[in-house]
Amino acid sequence: MQTYLITGANRGIGLEMTRQALDLGLRVIATCRNPSDASELSALKGALDVHALDVTDDASTRALVKALGTVKLDVLVNNAGYMASDQSIEDMDYDQWMTSFAVNAIAPWRVSVAFAHRLEASSCARIATVSSQMGSLERAGSDRVAYRSSKAAANMVMRTLALEWKPRGITVCMLHPGWVKTDMGGSHAALEPAESASGLLQVIDGLTLEDSGSFLDHAGKTMPW
């Protein structure tokens, strides 16, 4: 049985990925900041362990590493994300911009580094960071600058890990989930969470070291940088 660690698993794409992974017979270690408030996540059936994790906090990350003991991980999904509400050129909330970088760009690095040794124990270790086409320089727009810039940074730091860790047998990729009907994507988005999550899990399942450093969408299509 493969073991997945999914961050930000209490809602949206993370919750749906957890649900579908359990249905596939996978073991899932699902994390969120406040498990006591994650009733929908906790109610899922299957090989599920729910743990507290604040991805922006070193102590929280170290505590999770300790709590999991010697468990082997096959897949880490860096799904936890943040979109600032005030991001216009004329009215930028700089604290939210900093939070965007802390959650979207620095946290995937932090969590990946913390669990690298657990991934090395797998014969097919994969790290998938949920990014966005809004982080693509070729798709640059004038809105949501905090989100766009933090996702572009996430792509770069993950590609750095891909180069560093390929010799260690760890595949690292960035995944665009599509425009999904979540709290972040809004009600007018094109995809239901179930469709996005299904595609992401299929892409992750098929990843090999040859794919390391790639930026792919939920259908496996290569995204522009």
N, C-alpha and C. Protein backbone atom coordinates (compact mmCIF):
# COMPACT_ATOMS: atom_id res chain seq x y z
N MET A 1 0.84 -1.20 0.00
CA MET A 1 0.00 0.00 0.00
C MET A 1 0.88 1.25 0.00
N GLN A 2 0.66 2.12 -0.97
CA GLN A 2 1.39 3.37 -1.02
C GLN A 2 0.87 4.35 0.03
N THR A 3 1.77 5.19 0.52
CA THR A 3 1.40 6.19 1.52
C THR A 3 1.58 7.59 0.96
N TYR A 4 0.51 8.37 1.03
CA TYR A 4 0.50 9.76 0.58
C TYR A 4 0.42 10.68 1.79
N LEU A 5 1.19 11.75 1.77
CA LEU A 5 1.04 12.84 2.73
C LEU A 5 0.50 14.04 1.96
N ILE A 6 -0.68 14.52 2.36
CA ILE A 6 -1.34 15.63 1.66
C ILE A 6 -1.54 16.78 2.63
N THR A 7 -0.99 17.93 2.30
CA THR A 7 -1.18 19.12 3.14
C THR A 7 -2.42 19.88 2.69
N GLY A 8 -2.99 20.66 3.59
CA GLY A 8 -4.19 21.42 3.26
C GLY A 8 -5.34 20.51 2.84
N ALA A 9 -5.54 19.42 3.59
CA ALA A 9 -6.46 18.37 3.16
C ALA A 9 -7.88 18.54 3.71
N ASN A 10 -8.15 19.64 4.36
CA ASN A 10 -9.45 19.80 5.02
C ASN A 10 -10.52 20.41 4.14
N ARG A 11 -10.18 20.85 2.93
CA ARG A 11 -11.18 21.45 2.06
C ARG A 11 -10.71 21.43 0.61
N GLY A 12 -11.63 21.75 -0.29
CA GLY A 12 -11.29 21.94 -1.69
C GLY A 12 -10.61 20.75 -2.33
N ILE A 13 -9.59 21.05 -3.12
CA ILE A 13 -8.87 20.01 -3.87
C ILE A 13 -8.20 19.02 -2.93
N GLY A 14 -7.64 19.50 -1.83
CA GLY A 14 -6.96 18.61 -0.89
C GLY A 14 -7.90 17.60 -0.29
N LEU A 15 -9.09 18.04 0.08
CA LEU A 15 -10.09 17.12 0.65
C LEU A 15 -10.52 16.10 -0.38
N GLU A 16 -10.73 16.54 -1.61
CA GLU A 16 -11.17 15.62 -2.65
C GLU A 16 -10.07 14.64 -3.05
N MET A 17 -8.83 15.10 -3.08
CA MET A 17 -7.72 14.18 -3.35
C MET A 17 -7.62 13.13 -2.26
N THR A 18 -7.81 13.54 -1.01
CA THR A 18 -7.78 12.59 0.10
C THR A 18 -8.89 11.56 -0.04
N ARG A 19 -10.10 12.03 -0.34
CA ARG A 19 -11.24 11.14 -0.50
C ARG A 19 -10.98 10.10 -1.60
N GLN A 20 -10.50 10.57 -2.74
CA GLN A 20 -10.31 9.66 -3.86
C GLN A 20 -9.11 8.73 -3.64
N ALA A 21 -8.07 9.22 -3.00
CA ALA A 21 -6.92 8.36 -2.71
C ALA A 21 -7.32 7.22 -1.78
N LEU A 22 -8.15 7.52 -0.79
CA LEU A 22 -8.64 6.47 0.11
C LEU A 22 -9.50 5.46 -0.65
N ASP A 23 -10.32 5.95 -1.57
CA ASP A 23 -11.15 5.06 -2.37
C ASP A 23 -10.30 4.14 -3.24
N LEU A 24 -9.11 4.59 -3.60
CA LEU A 24 -8.19 3.78 -4.40
C LEU A 24 -7.40 2.78 -3.56
N GLY A 25 -7.63 2.80 -2.26
CA GLY A 25 -6.94 1.86 -1.39
C GLY A 25 -5.58 2.33 -0.92
N LEU A 26 -5.31 3.64 -1.04
CA LEU A 26 -4.05 4.20 -0.60
C LEU A 26 -4.14 4.59 0.87
N ARG A 27 -3.01 4.62 1.53
CA ARG A 27 -2.95 5.17 2.87
C ARG A 27 -2.70 6.67 2.74
N VAL A 28 -3.44 7.47 3.49
CA VAL A 28 -3.29 8.91 3.41
C VAL A 28 -3.03 9.50 4.79
N ILE A 29 -1.96 10.26 4.89
CA ILE A 29 -1.71 11.09 6.05
C ILE A 29 -2.14 12.49 5.65
N ALA A 30 -3.27 12.93 6.17
CA ALA A 30 -3.87 14.20 5.78
C ALA A 30 -3.60 15.25 6.86
N THR A 31 -3.17 16.43 6.44
CA THR A 31 -2.85 17.46 7.42
C THR A 31 -3.64 18.73 7.17
N CYS A 32 -3.86 19.45 8.25
CA CYS A 32 -4.46 20.78 8.21
C CYS A 32 -4.10 21.48 9.51
N ARG A 33 -4.37 22.76 9.59
CA ARG A 33 -3.96 23.50 10.79
C ARG A 33 -4.75 23.08 12.03
N ASN A 34 -6.06 22.84 11.87
CA ASN A 34 -6.91 22.54 13.01
C ASN A 34 -7.77 21.31 12.74
N PRO A 35 -7.25 20.10 12.99
CA PRO A 35 -8.02 18.89 12.74
C PRO A 35 -9.35 18.85 13.48
N SER A 36 -9.43 19.48 14.63
CA SER A 36 -10.68 19.47 15.40
C SER A 36 -11.81 20.17 14.67
N ASP A 37 -11.46 21.05 13.74
CA ASP A 37 -12.47 21.76 12.95
C ASP A 37 -12.73 21.09 11.59
N ALA A 38 -12.00 20.03 11.29
CA ALA A 38 -12.08 19.39 9.97
C ALA A 38 -12.98 18.17 10.03
N SER A 39 -14.24 18.39 10.30
CA SER A 39 -15.17 17.27 10.49
C SER A 39 -15.36 16.46 9.22
N GLU A 40 -15.43 17.12 8.07
CA GLU A 40 -15.63 16.39 6.81
C GLU A 40 -14.43 15.51 6.50
N LEU A 41 -13.25 16.01 6.77
CA LEU A 41 -12.04 15.22 6.56
C LEU A 41 -12.00 14.03 7.51
N SER A 42 -12.25 14.26 8.76
CA SER A 42 -12.17 13.20 9.77
C SER A 42 -13.19 12.10 9.55
N ALA A 43 -14.29 12.44 8.86
CA ALA A 43 -15.36 11.47 8.63
C ALA A 43 -15.06 10.51 7.47
N LEU A 44 -14.01 10.77 6.71
CA LEU A 44 -13.69 9.91 5.57
C LEU A 44 -13.28 8.52 6.05
N LYS A 45 -13.60 7.52 5.25
CA LYS A 45 -13.33 6.13 5.61
C LYS A 45 -12.12 5.61 4.84
N GLY A 46 -11.34 4.79 5.51
CA GLY A 46 -10.19 4.18 4.87
C GLY A 46 -8.95 4.30 5.73
N ALA A 47 -7.80 4.05 5.12
CA ALA A 47 -6.52 4.09 5.83
C ALA A 47 -6.08 5.54 5.98
N LEU A 48 -6.75 6.25 6.87
CA LEU A 48 -6.56 7.70 7.03
C LEU A 48 -6.02 8.04 8.41
N ASP A 49 -4.99 8.88 8.42
CA ASP A 49 -4.50 9.49 9.65
C ASP A 49 -4.53 11.00 9.47
N VAL A 50 -5.14 11.71 10.38
CA VAL A 50 -5.25 13.17 10.30
C VAL A 50 -4.35 13.78 11.36
N HIS A 51 -3.50 14.71 10.93
CA HIS A 51 -2.55 15.36 11.84
C HIS A 51 -2.60 16.87 11.67
N ALA A 52 -2.25 17.56 12.72
CA ALA A 52 -2.13 19.01 12.67
C ALA A 52 -0.82 19.40 12.01
N LEU A 53 -0.88 20.40 11.14
CA LEU A 53 0.33 20.93 10.52
C LEU A 53 0.09 22.36 10.06
N ASP A 54 0.88 23.27 10.58
CA ASP A 54 0.95 24.63 10.05
C ASP A 54 2.19 24.67 9.17
N VAL A 55 2.00 24.70 7.87
CA VAL A 55 3.11 24.57 6.93
C VAL A 55 4.07 25.75 6.98
N THR A 56 3.67 26.83 7.62
CA THR A 56 4.54 28.01 7.72
C THR A 56 5.39 27.99 8.99
N ASP A 57 5.24 26.96 9.80
CA ASP A 57 5.88 26.94 11.11
C ASP A 57 6.87 25.78 11.22
N ASP A 58 8.12 26.10 11.55
CA ASP A 58 9.14 25.06 11.66
C ASP A 58 8.84 24.08 12.79
N ALA A 59 8.40 24.59 13.93
CA ALA A 59 8.13 23.72 15.07
C ALA A 59 7.00 22.75 14.75
N SER A 60 5.95 23.23 14.08
CA SER A 60 4.84 22.37 13.69
C SER A 60 5.29 21.28 12.73
N THR A 61 6.14 21.64 11.81
CA THR A 61 6.65 20.67 10.84
C THR A 61 7.51 19.62 11.52
N ARG A 62 8.39 20.06 12.43
CA ARG A 62 9.22 19.10 13.16
C ARG A 62 8.37 18.18 14.03
N ALA A 63 7.31 18.72 14.60
CA ALA A 63 6.43 17.91 15.44
C ALA A 63 5.75 16.81 14.63
N LEU A 64 5.37 17.13 13.40
CA LEU A 64 4.75 16.10 12.55
C LEU A 64 5.76 15.03 12.17
N VAL A 65 6.96 15.43 11.84
CA VAL A 65 8.01 14.45 11.53
C VAL A 65 8.18 13.48 12.69
N LYS A 66 8.23 14.02 13.90
CA LYS A 66 8.39 13.18 15.10
C LYS A 66 7.18 12.29 15.30
N ALA A 67 5.98 12.85 15.10
CA ALA A 67 4.74 12.08 15.33
C ALA A 67 4.61 10.89 14.39
N LEU A 68 5.15 11.03 13.18
CA LEU A 68 5.00 9.96 12.19
C LEU A 68 6.03 8.85 12.36
N GLY A 69 6.97 9.05 13.26
CA GLY A 69 7.95 7.99 13.53
C GLY A 69 8.76 7.63 12.30
N THR A 70 8.80 6.34 11.99
CA THR A 70 9.63 5.87 10.88
C THR A 70 8.82 5.56 9.63
N VAL A 71 7.61 6.11 9.54
CA VAL A 71 6.75 5.81 8.40
C VAL A 71 7.44 6.17 7.07
N LYS A 72 7.28 5.30 6.10
CA LYS A 72 7.81 5.56 4.75
C LYS A 72 6.76 6.29 3.94
N LEU A 73 7.19 7.32 3.22
CA LEU A 73 6.28 8.04 2.33
C LEU A 73 6.61 7.73 0.89
N ASP A 74 5.58 7.54 0.08
CA ASP A 74 5.76 7.38 -1.35
C ASP A 74 5.50 8.68 -2.10
N VAL A 75 4.54 9.45 -1.61
CA VAL A 75 4.14 10.69 -2.28
C VAL A 75 3.88 11.78 -1.25
N LEU A 76 4.44 12.96 -1.51
CA LEU A 76 4.10 14.16 -0.76
C LEU A 76 3.38 15.11 -1.69
N VAL A 77 2.18 15.52 -1.32
CA VAL A 77 1.42 16.49 -2.10
C VAL A 77 1.38 17.80 -1.32
N ASN A 78 2.13 18.78 -1.78
CA ASN A 78 2.11 20.11 -1.19
C ASN A 78 0.92 20.86 -1.77
N ASN A 79 -0.21 20.74 -1.08
CA ASN A 79 -1.45 21.32 -1.60
C ASN A 79 -1.87 22.59 -0.87
N ALA A 80 -1.45 22.77 0.37
CA ALA A 80 -1.87 23.95 1.14
C ALA A 80 -1.54 25.22 0.37
N GLY A 81 -2.52 26.11 0.28
CA GLY A 81 -2.32 27.34 -0.48
C GLY A 81 -3.04 28.52 0.14
N TYR A 82 -2.69 29.71 -0.34
CA TYR A 82 -3.26 30.94 0.20
C TYR A 82 -3.39 31.96 -0.92
N MET A 83 -4.55 32.61 -0.96
CA MET A 83 -4.75 33.71 -1.90
C MET A 83 -5.16 34.96 -1.13
N ALA A 84 -4.36 35.99 -1.21
CA ALA A 84 -4.64 37.25 -0.52
C ALA A 84 -5.87 37.91 -1.12
N SER A 85 -6.59 38.63 -0.29
CA SER A 85 -7.82 39.29 -0.76
C SER A 85 -7.55 40.67 -1.34
N ASP A 86 -6.55 41.38 -0.81
CA ASP A 86 -6.26 42.75 -1.28
C ASP A 86 -4.94 42.75 -2.02
N GLN A 87 -5.00 42.79 -3.36
CA GLN A 87 -3.79 42.65 -4.16
C GLN A 87 -3.69 43.66 -5.30
N SER A 88 -4.49 44.68 -5.30
CA SER A 88 -4.44 45.63 -6.41
C SER A 88 -3.20 46.51 -6.31
N ILE A 89 -2.80 47.08 -7.42
CA ILE A 89 -1.61 47.93 -7.44
C ILE A 89 -1.80 49.13 -6.51
N GLU A 90 -3.00 49.68 -6.50
CA GLU A 90 -3.27 50.87 -5.70
C GLU A 90 -3.54 50.53 -4.24
N ASP A 91 -3.92 49.29 -3.94
CA ASP A 91 -4.31 48.92 -2.58
C ASP A 91 -3.76 47.55 -2.24
N MET A 92 -2.43 47.48 -2.08
CA MET A 92 -1.77 46.22 -1.79
C MET A 92 -1.63 46.02 -0.28
N ASP A 93 -2.05 44.88 0.20
CA ASP A 93 -1.83 44.49 1.58
C ASP A 93 -0.51 43.73 1.63
N TYR A 94 0.54 44.38 2.08
CA TYR A 94 1.87 43.79 2.02
C TYR A 94 2.04 42.63 3.00
N ASP A 95 1.32 42.66 4.10
CA ASP A 95 1.37 41.53 5.02
C ASP A 95 0.79 40.28 4.37
N GLN A 96 -0.32 40.44 3.63
CA GLN A 96 -0.89 39.30 2.92
C GLN A 96 0.02 38.82 1.81
N TRP A 97 0.73 39.73 1.19
CA TRP A 97 1.70 39.33 0.16
C TRP A 97 2.79 38.45 0.77
N MET A 98 3.28 38.86 1.95
CA MET A 98 4.29 38.05 2.63
C MET A 98 3.72 36.69 3.01
N THR A 99 2.46 36.66 3.46
CA THR A 99 1.83 35.39 3.80
C THR A 99 1.70 34.50 2.57
N SER A 100 1.40 35.11 1.42
CA SER A 100 1.31 34.36 0.17
C SER A 100 2.62 33.63 -0.12
N PHE A 101 3.74 34.31 0.06
CA PHE A 101 5.03 33.68 -0.17
C PHE A 101 5.32 32.61 0.89
N ALA A 102 4.94 32.89 2.14
CA ALA A 102 5.19 31.93 3.22
C ALA A 102 4.47 30.61 2.97
N VAL A 103 3.20 30.70 2.53
CA VAL A 103 2.39 29.49 2.34
C VAL A 103 2.66 28.84 0.99
N ASN A 104 2.68 29.64 -0.07
CA ASN A 104 2.70 29.09 -1.43
C ASN A 104 4.09 28.72 -1.93
N ALA A 105 5.13 29.40 -1.47
CA ALA A 105 6.46 29.17 -2.01
C ALA A 105 7.43 28.57 -1.01
N ILE A 106 7.48 29.13 0.21
CA ILE A 106 8.46 28.66 1.20
C ILE A 106 8.00 27.36 1.85
N ALA A 107 6.71 27.26 2.16
CA ALA A 107 6.21 26.06 2.85
C ALA A 107 6.44 24.76 2.07
N PRO A 108 6.19 24.73 0.75
CA PRO A 108 6.47 23.49 0.02
C PRO A 108 7.93 23.04 0.14
N TRP A 109 8.83 24.02 0.15
CA TRP A 109 10.25 23.71 0.36
C TRP A 109 10.45 23.14 1.76
N ARG A 110 9.92 23.83 2.77
CA ARG A 110 10.09 23.41 4.16
C ARG A 110 9.60 21.97 4.37
N VAL A 111 8.39 21.69 3.92
CA VAL A 111 7.81 20.37 4.15
C VAL A 111 8.55 19.30 3.35
N SER A 112 8.92 19.63 2.13
CA SER A 112 9.66 18.68 1.30
C SER A 112 10.99 18.30 1.92
N VAL A 113 11.73 19.30 2.39
CA VAL A 113 13.03 19.04 3.01
C VAL A 113 12.86 18.22 4.28
N ALA A 114 11.82 18.53 5.06
CA ALA A 114 11.59 17.82 6.32
C ALA A 114 11.33 16.34 6.11
N PHE A 115 10.69 15.98 4.98
CA PHE A 115 10.29 14.59 4.77
C PHE A 115 11.10 13.89 3.68
N ALA A 116 12.16 14.52 3.22
CA ALA A 116 12.96 13.92 2.14
C ALA A 116 13.48 12.55 2.52
N HIS A 117 13.95 12.39 3.76
CA HIS A 117 14.52 11.09 4.16
C HIS A 117 13.45 10.01 4.23
N ARG A 118 12.19 10.39 4.49
CA ARG A 118 11.11 9.41 4.50
C ARG A 118 10.74 9.00 3.07
N LEU A 119 10.90 9.93 2.15
CA LEU A 119 10.61 9.64 0.74
C LEU A 119 11.69 8.75 0.13
N GLU A 120 12.92 8.95 0.57
CA GLU A 120 14.02 8.15 0.02
C GLU A 120 13.84 6.66 0.28
N ALA A 121 13.04 6.32 1.27
CA ALA A 121 12.80 4.92 1.59
C ALA A 121 11.88 4.25 0.57
N SER A 122 11.23 5.07 -0.28
CA SER A 122 10.31 4.54 -1.30
C SER A 122 11.06 4.22 -2.59
N SER A 123 10.59 3.22 -3.29
CA SER A 123 11.18 2.88 -4.59
C SER A 123 10.67 3.80 -5.69
N CYS A 124 9.65 4.59 -5.39
CA CYS A 124 9.08 5.51 -6.39
C CYS A 124 8.63 6.80 -5.68
N ALA A 125 9.59 7.52 -5.16
CA ALA A 125 9.30 8.72 -4.37
C ALA A 125 8.92 9.89 -5.27
N ARG A 126 7.82 10.55 -4.92
CA ARG A 126 7.34 11.69 -5.72
C ARG A 126 6.89 12.84 -4.81
N ILE A 127 7.24 14.04 -5.22
CA ILE A 127 6.74 15.25 -4.58
C ILE A 127 5.97 16.03 -5.63
N ALA A 128 4.70 16.29 -5.36
CA ALA A 128 3.87 17.06 -6.28
C ALA A 128 3.39 18.32 -5.56
N THR A 129 3.79 19.47 -6.06
CA THR A 129 3.36 20.73 -5.47
C THR A 129 2.28 21.34 -6.34
N VAL A 130 1.12 21.60 -5.73
CA VAL A 130 0.01 22.19 -6.47
C VAL A 130 0.33 23.66 -6.72
N SER A 131 0.57 23.98 -7.97
CA SER A 131 0.91 25.33 -8.39
C SER A 131 -0.31 25.94 -9.08
N SER A 132 -0.08 26.74 -10.10
CA SER A 132 -1.16 27.37 -10.85
C SER A 132 -0.62 27.93 -12.14
N GLN A 133 -1.47 27.94 -13.17
CA GLN A 133 -1.07 28.60 -14.41
C GLN A 133 -0.86 30.09 -14.19
N MET A 134 -1.40 30.63 -13.09
CA MET A 134 -1.19 32.04 -12.78
C MET A 134 0.24 32.33 -12.38
N GLY A 135 1.04 31.29 -12.12
CA GLY A 135 2.45 31.45 -11.84
C GLY A 135 3.32 31.38 -13.08
N SER A 136 2.70 31.18 -14.23
CA SER A 136 3.44 31.12 -15.49
C SER A 136 3.72 32.52 -15.99
N LEU A 137 4.98 32.81 -16.32
CA LEU A 137 5.34 34.13 -16.85
C LEU A 137 4.72 34.37 -18.22
N GLU A 138 4.49 33.30 -18.97
CA GLU A 138 3.88 33.44 -20.28
C GLU A 138 2.39 33.76 -20.19
N ARG A 139 1.79 33.53 -19.02
CA ARG A 139 0.38 33.81 -18.83
C ARG A 139 0.17 34.97 -17.85
N ALA A 140 1.17 35.84 -17.76
CA ALA A 140 1.12 36.93 -16.78
C ALA A 140 -0.08 37.83 -16.99
N GLY A 141 -0.70 38.23 -15.89
CA GLY A 141 -1.82 39.16 -15.92
C GLY A 141 -1.56 40.27 -14.92
N SER A 142 -2.46 41.23 -14.88
CA SER A 142 -2.25 42.38 -13.99
C SER A 142 -3.02 42.26 -12.68
N ASP A 143 -3.75 41.16 -12.50
CA ASP A 143 -4.50 40.99 -11.26
C ASP A 143 -3.81 39.96 -10.37
N ARG A 144 -4.19 39.89 -9.11
CA ARG A 144 -3.73 38.87 -8.17
C ARG A 144 -2.21 38.75 -8.15
N VAL A 145 -1.53 39.89 -8.06
CA VAL A 145 -0.08 39.89 -8.17
C VAL A 145 0.58 39.10 -7.04
N ALA A 146 0.02 39.13 -5.82
CA ALA A 146 0.62 38.38 -4.71
C ALA A 146 0.55 36.88 -4.99
N TYR A 147 -0.59 36.42 -5.46
CA TYR A 147 -0.77 35.00 -5.76
C TYR A 147 0.12 34.60 -6.93
N ARG A 148 0.09 35.38 -8.01
CA ARG A 148 0.89 35.05 -9.20
C ARG A 148 2.38 34.97 -8.86
N SER A 149 2.88 35.96 -8.15
CA SER A 149 4.31 36.00 -7.85
C SER A 149 4.71 34.86 -6.92
N SER A 150 3.84 34.51 -5.96
CA SER A 150 4.19 33.43 -5.03
C SER A 150 4.17 32.07 -5.73
N LYS A 151 3.26 31.89 -6.68
CA LYS A 151 3.23 30.63 -7.41
C LYS A 151 4.40 30.53 -8.39
N ALA A 152 4.80 31.65 -8.97
CA ALA A 152 6.00 31.63 -9.82
C ALA A 152 7.22 31.25 -8.99
N ALA A 153 7.28 31.78 -7.78
CA ALA A 153 8.38 31.43 -6.88
C ALA A 153 8.32 29.95 -6.49
N ALA A 154 7.12 29.44 -6.25
CA ALA A 154 6.98 28.02 -5.93
C ALA A 154 7.51 27.14 -7.05
N ASN A 155 7.21 27.52 -8.29
CA ASN A 155 7.71 26.76 -9.43
C ASN A 155 9.23 26.73 -9.44
N MET A 156 9.85 27.86 -9.14
CA MET A 156 11.31 27.92 -9.17
C MET A 156 11.93 27.10 -8.05
N VAL A 157 11.41 27.21 -6.83
CA VAL A 157 12.04 26.48 -5.73
C VAL A 157 11.84 24.97 -5.89
N MET A 158 10.70 24.57 -6.44
CA MET A 158 10.49 23.15 -6.67
C MET A 158 11.36 22.62 -7.80
N ARG A 159 11.58 23.45 -8.80
CA ARG A 159 12.46 23.01 -9.88
C ARG A 159 13.90 22.87 -9.36
N THR A 160 14.27 23.72 -8.44
CA THR A 160 15.59 23.60 -7.81
C THR A 160 15.71 22.27 -7.08
N LEU A 161 14.67 21.91 -6.31
CA LEU A 161 14.70 20.62 -5.63
C LEU A 161 14.72 19.47 -6.62
N ALA A 162 14.02 19.62 -7.73
CA ALA A 162 14.02 18.56 -8.75
C ALA A 162 15.43 18.28 -9.25
N LEU A 163 16.20 19.34 -9.48
CA LEU A 163 17.57 19.18 -9.96
C LEU A 163 18.46 18.57 -8.88
N GLU A 164 18.27 19.02 -7.64
CA GLU A 164 19.11 18.55 -6.54
C GLU A 164 18.81 17.11 -6.17
N TRP A 165 17.55 16.72 -6.24
CA TRP A 165 17.14 15.43 -5.67
C TRP A 165 16.94 14.32 -6.69
N LYS A 166 17.07 14.62 -7.96
CA LYS A 166 16.96 13.55 -8.95
C LYS A 166 17.97 12.44 -8.69
N PRO A 167 19.23 12.77 -8.35
CA PRO A 167 20.18 11.69 -8.04
C PRO A 167 19.79 10.87 -6.81
N ARG A 168 18.93 11.42 -5.97
CA ARG A 168 18.48 10.70 -4.78
C ARG A 168 17.23 9.85 -5.07
N GLY A 169 16.77 9.90 -6.31
CA GLY A 169 15.62 9.09 -6.69
C GLY A 169 14.29 9.70 -6.32
N ILE A 170 14.25 11.01 -6.08
CA ILE A 170 13.01 11.69 -5.72
C ILE A 170 12.54 12.55 -6.90
N THR A 171 11.37 12.25 -7.40
CA THR A 171 10.77 13.02 -8.50
C THR A 171 10.02 14.21 -7.92
N VAL A 172 10.28 15.38 -8.46
CA VAL A 172 9.63 16.61 -7.99
C VAL A 172 8.96 17.29 -9.18
N CYS A 173 7.66 17.54 -9.06
CA CYS A 173 6.92 18.19 -10.14
C CYS A 173 5.95 19.24 -9.60
N MET A 174 5.59 20.19 -10.46
CA MET A 174 4.59 21.20 -10.16
C MET A 174 3.34 20.88 -10.98
N LEU A 175 2.17 21.01 -10.35
CA LEU A 175 0.93 20.64 -11.01
C LEU A 175 -0.08 21.78 -10.97
N HIS A 176 -0.64 22.10 -12.14
CA HIS A 176 -1.74 23.07 -12.24
C HIS A 176 -3.05 22.29 -12.18
N PRO A 177 -3.89 22.56 -11.17
CA PRO A 177 -5.10 21.75 -11.00
C PRO A 177 -6.25 22.13 -11.92
N GLY A 178 -6.07 23.18 -12.72
CA GLY A 178 -7.18 23.73 -13.48
C GLY A 178 -7.88 24.82 -12.68
N TRP A 179 -8.87 25.42 -13.29
CA TRP A 179 -9.67 26.43 -12.59
C TRP A 179 -10.82 25.69 -11.93
N VAL A 180 -10.74 25.56 -10.60
CA VAL A 180 -11.60 24.64 -9.87
C VAL A 180 -12.58 25.39 -8.97
N LYS A 181 -13.77 24.86 -8.86
CA LYS A 181 -14.82 25.46 -8.02
C LYS A 181 -14.53 25.17 -6.54
N THR A 182 -13.69 26.00 -5.97
CA THR A 182 -13.36 25.92 -4.55
C THR A 182 -13.52 27.32 -3.96
N ASP A 183 -13.24 27.44 -2.67
CA ASP A 183 -13.27 28.76 -2.05
C ASP A 183 -12.32 29.72 -2.76
N MET A 184 -11.21 29.19 -3.23
CA MET A 184 -10.22 30.01 -3.90
C MET A 184 -10.59 30.26 -5.36
N GLY A 185 -11.09 29.24 -6.04
CA GLY A 185 -11.38 29.35 -7.47
C GLY A 185 -12.70 30.04 -7.78
N GLY A 186 -13.64 30.00 -6.83
CA GLY A 186 -14.93 30.66 -7.03
C GLY A 186 -15.95 29.76 -7.71
N SER A 187 -17.18 30.20 -7.68
CA SER A 187 -18.30 29.39 -8.19
C SER A 187 -18.38 29.36 -9.70
N HIS A 188 -17.69 30.26 -10.40
CA HIS A 188 -17.75 30.31 -11.86
C HIS A 188 -16.64 29.50 -12.53
N ALA A 189 -15.84 28.81 -11.72
CA ALA A 189 -14.73 28.03 -12.27
C ALA A 189 -15.23 26.91 -13.17
N ALA A 190 -14.33 26.39 -13.99
CA ALA A 190 -14.71 25.43 -15.02
C ALA A 190 -14.79 24.00 -14.52
N LEU A 191 -14.04 23.66 -13.46
CA LEU A 191 -13.94 22.26 -13.04
C LEU A 191 -14.52 22.04 -11.64
N GLU A 192 -15.12 20.88 -11.45
CA GLU A 192 -15.50 20.45 -10.12
C GLU A 192 -14.26 19.87 -9.42
N PRO A 193 -14.19 19.99 -8.09
CA PRO A 193 -13.03 19.44 -7.38
C PRO A 193 -12.78 17.96 -7.68
N ALA A 194 -13.84 17.19 -7.85
CA ALA A 194 -13.67 15.75 -8.10
C ALA A 194 -12.93 15.50 -9.41
N GLU A 195 -13.23 16.30 -10.44
CA GLU A 195 -12.57 16.12 -11.74
C GLU A 195 -11.10 16.50 -11.66
N SER A 196 -10.82 17.62 -11.01
CA SER A 196 -9.44 18.05 -10.85
C SER A 196 -8.64 17.04 -10.04
N ALA A 197 -9.19 16.62 -8.90
CA ALA A 197 -8.48 15.68 -8.03
C ALA A 197 -8.20 14.36 -8.72
N SER A 198 -9.17 13.87 -9.47
CA SER A 198 -8.99 12.61 -10.20
C SER A 198 -7.83 12.72 -11.18
N GLY A 199 -7.80 13.82 -11.92
CA GLY A 199 -6.72 14.03 -12.88
C GLY A 199 -5.37 14.15 -12.21
N LEU A 200 -5.31 14.91 -11.12
CA LEU A 200 -4.05 15.08 -10.40
C LEU A 200 -3.51 13.76 -9.89
N LEU A 201 -4.38 12.94 -9.32
CA LEU A 201 -3.94 11.64 -8.80
C LEU A 201 -3.43 10.74 -9.92
N GLN A 202 -4.08 10.80 -11.08
CA GLN A 202 -3.61 10.00 -12.20
C GLN A 202 -2.24 10.46 -12.68
N VAL A 203 -2.06 11.78 -12.74
CA VAL A 203 -0.76 12.32 -13.15
C VAL A 203 0.32 11.91 -12.16
N ILE A 204 0.04 12.08 -10.87
CA ILE A 204 1.02 11.72 -9.83
C ILE A 204 1.38 10.24 -9.91
N ASP A 205 0.38 9.39 -10.12
CA ASP A 205 0.61 7.95 -10.18
C ASP A 205 1.56 7.59 -11.32
N GLY A 206 1.53 8.36 -12.39
CA GLY A 206 2.36 8.04 -13.55
C GLY A 206 3.71 8.71 -13.59
N LEU A 207 4.03 9.54 -12.60
CA LEU A 207 5.29 10.27 -12.62
C LEU A 207 6.49 9.34 -12.45
N THR A 208 7.54 9.65 -13.21
CA THR A 208 8.82 8.96 -13.07
C THR A 208 9.92 10.01 -12.95
N LEU A 209 11.14 9.54 -12.70
CA LEU A 209 12.26 10.47 -12.59
C LEU A 209 12.47 11.29 -13.87
N GLU A 210 12.08 10.73 -15.00
CA GLU A 210 12.21 11.46 -16.26
C GLU A 210 11.32 12.69 -16.29
N ASP A 211 10.28 12.70 -15.47
CA ASP A 211 9.37 13.85 -15.42
C ASP A 211 9.81 14.91 -14.42
N SER A 212 10.84 14.62 -13.64
CA SER A 212 11.21 15.53 -12.55
C SER A 212 11.55 16.91 -13.09
N GLY A 213 11.00 17.93 -12.43
CA GLY A 213 11.19 19.30 -12.85
C GLY A 213 10.12 19.80 -13.79
N SER A 214 9.14 18.95 -14.13
CA SER A 214 8.09 19.33 -15.07
C SER A 214 7.00 20.16 -14.39
N PHE A 215 6.32 20.95 -15.22
CA PHE A 215 5.16 21.73 -14.79
C PHE A 215 3.99 21.23 -15.64
N LEU A 216 3.08 20.49 -15.02
CA LEU A 216 2.02 19.79 -15.74
C LEU A 216 0.66 20.21 -15.22
N ASP A 217 -0.37 20.06 -16.07
CA ASP A 217 -1.73 20.33 -15.59
C ASP A 217 -2.39 19.02 -15.16
N HIS A 218 -3.65 19.10 -14.76
CA HIS A 218 -4.35 17.94 -14.21
C HIS A 218 -4.61 16.85 -15.24
N ALA A 219 -4.40 17.18 -16.52
CA ALA A 219 -4.54 16.18 -17.58
C ALA A 219 -3.19 15.64 -18.05
N GLY A 220 -2.11 16.11 -17.42
CA GLY A 220 -0.78 15.66 -17.81
C GLY A 220 -0.14 16.48 -18.91
N LYS A 221 -0.78 17.57 -19.31
CA LYS A 221 -0.25 18.43 -20.37
C LYS A 221 0.83 19.34 -19.80
N THR A 222 1.91 19.54 -20.54
CA THR A 222 2.99 20.41 -20.11
C THR A 222 2.54 21.87 -20.14
N MET A 223 2.79 22.57 -19.04
CA MET A 223 2.41 23.97 -18.92
C MET A 223 3.58 24.87 -19.27
N PRO A 224 3.32 26.05 -19.81
CA PRO A 224 4.41 27.00 -20.10
C PRO A 224 4.94 27.63 -18.83
N TRP A 225 6.23 27.88 -18.81
CA TRP A 225 6.85 28.51 -17.64
C TRP A 225 6.56 30.02 -17.63
